[in-house]
Amino acid sequence: MGKKTIQLSRPNKINKNIRSKIVRLIGLNGEQIGIINIKEALKKAENVGFDLVEISPNSVPPVCRIMDYGKFLYAKNKASKEQKKKQKIINLKEIKFRPGTDIGDYKVKLRNLIRFLKKGDKIKVTLRFRGREMMHTKIGFFMLNRIKNDLESLAIVESFPTRVEGRQIIMILIPKK
């Protein structure tokens, strides 16, 4: 098997890869130089010792800037990594109950709910009905209220159901800050 080669994509065209004949040039410090020929722009960038980078290829004429392209890419990558680091991933966990869930099972599921809330996860509590249980939806709402009251110190109810949807009732909890 052969190795896969990863080709780095360049979102911006630089130096000789710019195909336009006329460009709007921005200098090293961000000052507007004006609309000039591509050869002149390349000479100016070469004289300063930097790259000519096409910033906005869709405008007429395309906007090019004199800059250090390596430094530009480094700063861009650093900013995107910093942004990824700041993002917090929130998982949605689901715990399923039934109207006839016994005390022992209820306590085990409640412990799992508490564990998920302490980790900072969002929780979807689903109460599913079968057969004749549909006639006793009040028991289901009573159980959801019980869960809500048991977890009121750890969680905020994001959405509390007002009616049965199909054969289930869904409540969503988010951890308190």
Protein backbone atom coordinates (compact mmCIF):
# COMPACT_ATOMS: atom_id res chain seq x y z
CA MET A 1 0.00 0.00 0.00
CA GLY A 2 1.23 3.46 -0.87
CA LYS A 3 1.35 6.41 1.46
CA LYS A 4 -1.29 9.06 1.22
CA THR A 5 0.05 12.53 0.63
CA ILE A 6 -1.69 15.40 2.27
CA GLN A 7 -1.77 18.50 0.14
CA LEU A 8 -1.92 21.77 2.03
CA SER A 9 -4.67 23.94 0.66
CA ARG A 10 -3.89 27.58 0.09
CA PRO A 11 -7.01 29.68 0.34
CA ASN A 12 -5.16 32.75 -0.91
CA LYS A 13 -3.15 32.98 -4.14
CA ILE A 14 0.33 34.41 -3.67
CA ASN A 15 2.92 36.09 -5.90
CA LYS A 16 3.07 34.51 -9.40
CA ASN A 17 -0.16 32.49 -8.86
CA ILE A 18 -2.29 35.65 -9.07
CA ARG A 19 -3.87 35.62 -12.54
CA SER A 20 -5.41 39.09 -12.71
CA LYS A 21 -3.66 41.77 -14.78
CA ILE A 22 -4.74 44.70 -12.61
CA VAL A 23 -5.06 44.67 -8.80
CA ARG A 24 -5.99 47.03 -5.97
CA LEU A 25 -2.88 47.09 -3.80
CA ILE A 26 -2.71 47.52 -0.04
CA GLY A 27 0.69 48.24 1.45
CA LEU A 28 2.58 46.59 4.29
CA ASN A 29 1.05 48.82 6.99
CA GLY A 30 -2.49 48.65 5.57
CA GLU A 31 -2.32 51.87 3.52
CA GLN A 32 -4.10 52.01 0.16
CA ILE A 33 -1.60 52.25 -2.70
CA GLY A 34 -4.21 52.13 -5.47
CA ILE A 35 -5.10 50.21 -8.60
CA ILE A 36 -1.92 49.14 -10.39
CA ASN A 37 -0.54 46.55 -12.82
CA ILE A 38 0.25 43.09 -11.36
CA LYS A 39 3.91 43.28 -12.48
CA GLU A 40 4.36 46.59 -10.62
CA ALA A 41 2.70 45.13 -7.52
CA LEU A 42 5.00 42.09 -7.62
CA LYS A 43 8.07 44.36 -7.95
CA LYS A 44 6.96 46.44 -4.94
CA ALA A 45 6.44 43.31 -2.84
CA GLU A 46 9.81 41.92 -3.93
CA ASN A 47 11.59 45.20 -3.13
CA VAL A 48 10.21 45.16 0.41
CA GLY A 49 11.04 41.45 0.75
CA PHE A 50 7.51 40.18 1.36
CA ASP A 51 4.80 38.29 -0.53
CA LEU A 52 1.94 39.64 -2.61
CA VAL A 53 -1.22 37.91 -1.30
CA GLU A 54 -4.63 38.00 -3.00
CA ILE A 55 -7.07 38.85 -0.20
CA SER A 56 -10.35 39.32 -2.06
CA PRO A 57 -10.36 37.53 -5.44
CA ASN A 58 -14.08 38.18 -6.14
CA SER A 59 -13.96 41.98 -6.12
CA VAL A 60 -13.23 43.96 -9.28
CA PRO A 61 -10.27 44.49 -9.45
CA PRO A 62 -9.02 41.82 -6.96
CA VAL A 63 -7.57 43.16 -3.70
CA CYS A 64 -3.96 42.19 -2.99
CA ARG A 65 -1.82 42.97 0.03
CA ILE A 66 1.90 43.00 0.67
CA MET A 67 2.60 40.82 3.74
CA ASP A 68 4.63 37.95 5.17
CA TYR A 69 2.44 34.99 4.15
CA GLY A 70 4.04 32.50 6.56
CA LYS A 71 3.42 34.82 9.50
CA PHE A 72 -0.16 35.40 8.27
CA LEU A 73 -0.88 31.63 8.14
CA TYR A 74 0.70 31.11 11.58
CA ALA A 75 -1.47 33.82 13.14
CA LYS A 76 -4.58 32.44 11.41
CA ASN A 77 -3.92 28.89 12.65
CA LYS A 78 -3.15 30.12 16.16
CA ALA A 79 -6.41 32.08 16.27
CA SER A 80 -8.46 29.08 15.08
CA LYS A 81 -6.81 26.80 17.68
CA GLU A 82 -7.54 29.36 20.40
CA GLN A 83 -11.16 29.52 19.27
CA LYS A 84 -11.48 25.71 19.36
CA LYS A 85 -10.01 25.69 22.85
CA LYS A 86 -12.61 28.20 24.08
CA GLN A 87 -15.52 26.15 22.71
CA LYS A 88 -17.12 23.88 25.27
CA ILE A 89 -18.61 20.68 23.92
CA ILE A 90 -21.95 19.94 25.49
CA ASN A 91 -23.15 16.36 25.18
CA LEU A 92 -26.80 15.39 25.28
CA LYS A 93 -27.31 12.31 27.46
CA GLU A 94 -30.60 10.45 27.56
CA ILE A 95 -32.07 8.50 30.47
CA LYS A 96 -35.24 6.51 29.88
CA PHE A 97 -37.89 5.91 32.50
CA ARG A 98 -41.18 4.03 32.51
CA PRO A 99 -44.24 4.84 34.64
CA GLY A 100 -43.64 1.60 36.56
CA THR A 101 -39.93 2.21 37.27
CA ASP A 102 -39.29 0.81 40.76
CA ILE A 103 -37.54 2.66 43.61
CA GLY A 104 -34.21 0.80 43.21
CA ASP A 105 -34.02 1.44 39.48
CA TYR A 106 -35.15 5.03 40.03
CA LYS A 107 -32.26 5.65 42.47
CA VAL A 108 -29.71 4.15 40.06
CA LYS A 109 -30.98 6.33 37.20
CA LEU A 110 -31.03 9.37 39.50
CA ARG A 111 -27.37 8.73 40.41
CA ASN A 112 -26.53 8.63 36.69
CA LEU A 113 -28.44 11.89 36.16
CA ILE A 114 -26.44 13.52 38.95
CA ARG A 115 -23.17 12.22 37.48
CA PHE A 116 -24.03 13.61 34.03
CA LEU A 117 -25.05 16.99 35.47
CA LYS A 118 -21.78 17.28 37.43
CA LYS A 119 -19.87 16.61 34.18
CA GLY A 120 -21.77 19.50 32.60
CA ASP A 121 -23.86 17.47 30.16
CA LYS A 122 -27.35 18.33 29.00
CA ILE A 123 -29.88 15.60 29.82
CA LYS A 124 -32.96 14.37 28.00
CA VAL A 125 -35.28 12.50 30.37
CA THR A 126 -37.66 10.32 28.37
CA LEU A 127 -40.67 8.67 29.97
CA ARG A 128 -42.06 5.98 27.66
CA PHE A 129 -45.54 4.46 27.86
CA ARG A 130 -46.65 1.04 26.62
CA GLY A 131 -50.10 -0.33 25.96
CA ARG A 132 -52.62 0.53 28.68
CA GLU A 133 -50.13 2.79 30.47
CA MET A 134 -51.28 5.53 28.08
CA MET A 135 -54.48 5.86 30.12
CA HIS A 136 -52.41 6.81 33.20
CA THR A 137 -50.31 9.71 31.92
CA LYS A 138 -50.74 11.48 35.28
CA ILE A 139 -48.37 8.91 36.79
CA GLY A 140 -45.77 9.90 34.17
CA PHE A 141 -46.11 13.61 34.90
CA PHE A 142 -45.89 12.85 38.62
CA MET A 143 -42.62 10.96 38.02
CA LEU A 144 -41.14 13.82 35.97
CA ASN A 145 -42.08 16.30 38.72
CA ARG A 146 -40.38 14.00 41.23
CA ILE A 147 -37.19 13.94 39.12
CA LYS A 148 -37.35 17.73 38.75
CA ASN A 149 -37.72 18.19 42.52
CA ASP A 150 -34.91 15.70 43.33
CA LEU A 151 -32.50 17.53 40.99
CA GLU A 152 -33.53 21.16 41.62
CA SER A 153 -30.22 21.93 43.40
CA LEU A 154 -28.17 20.69 40.40
CA ALA A 155 -30.27 21.34 37.30
CA ILE A 156 -32.51 23.84 35.57
CA VAL A 157 -35.44 22.55 33.54
CA GLU A 158 -34.98 23.79 29.99
CA SER A 159 -38.22 22.33 28.70
CA PHE A 160 -40.97 20.71 30.73
CA PRO A 161 -43.68 18.86 28.80
CA THR A 162 -47.30 19.98 28.91
CA ARG A 163 -48.68 16.99 27.03
CA VAL A 164 -47.79 13.50 25.83
CA GLU A 165 -46.08 13.35 22.44
CA GLY A 166 -46.89 10.02 20.84
CA ARG A 167 -46.14 7.41 23.49
CA GLN A 168 -43.58 9.40 25.44
CA ILE A 169 -43.01 12.52 27.52
CA ILE A 170 -39.68 14.34 27.21
CA MET A 171 -38.08 16.75 29.70
CA ILE A 172 -34.73 18.44 29.09
CA LEU A 173 -32.42 19.43 31.96
CA ILE A 174 -29.32 21.63 31.88
CA PRO A 175 -26.76 21.91 34.69
CA LYS A 176 -26.76 25.00 36.92
CA LYS A 177 -23.76 27.24 36.44
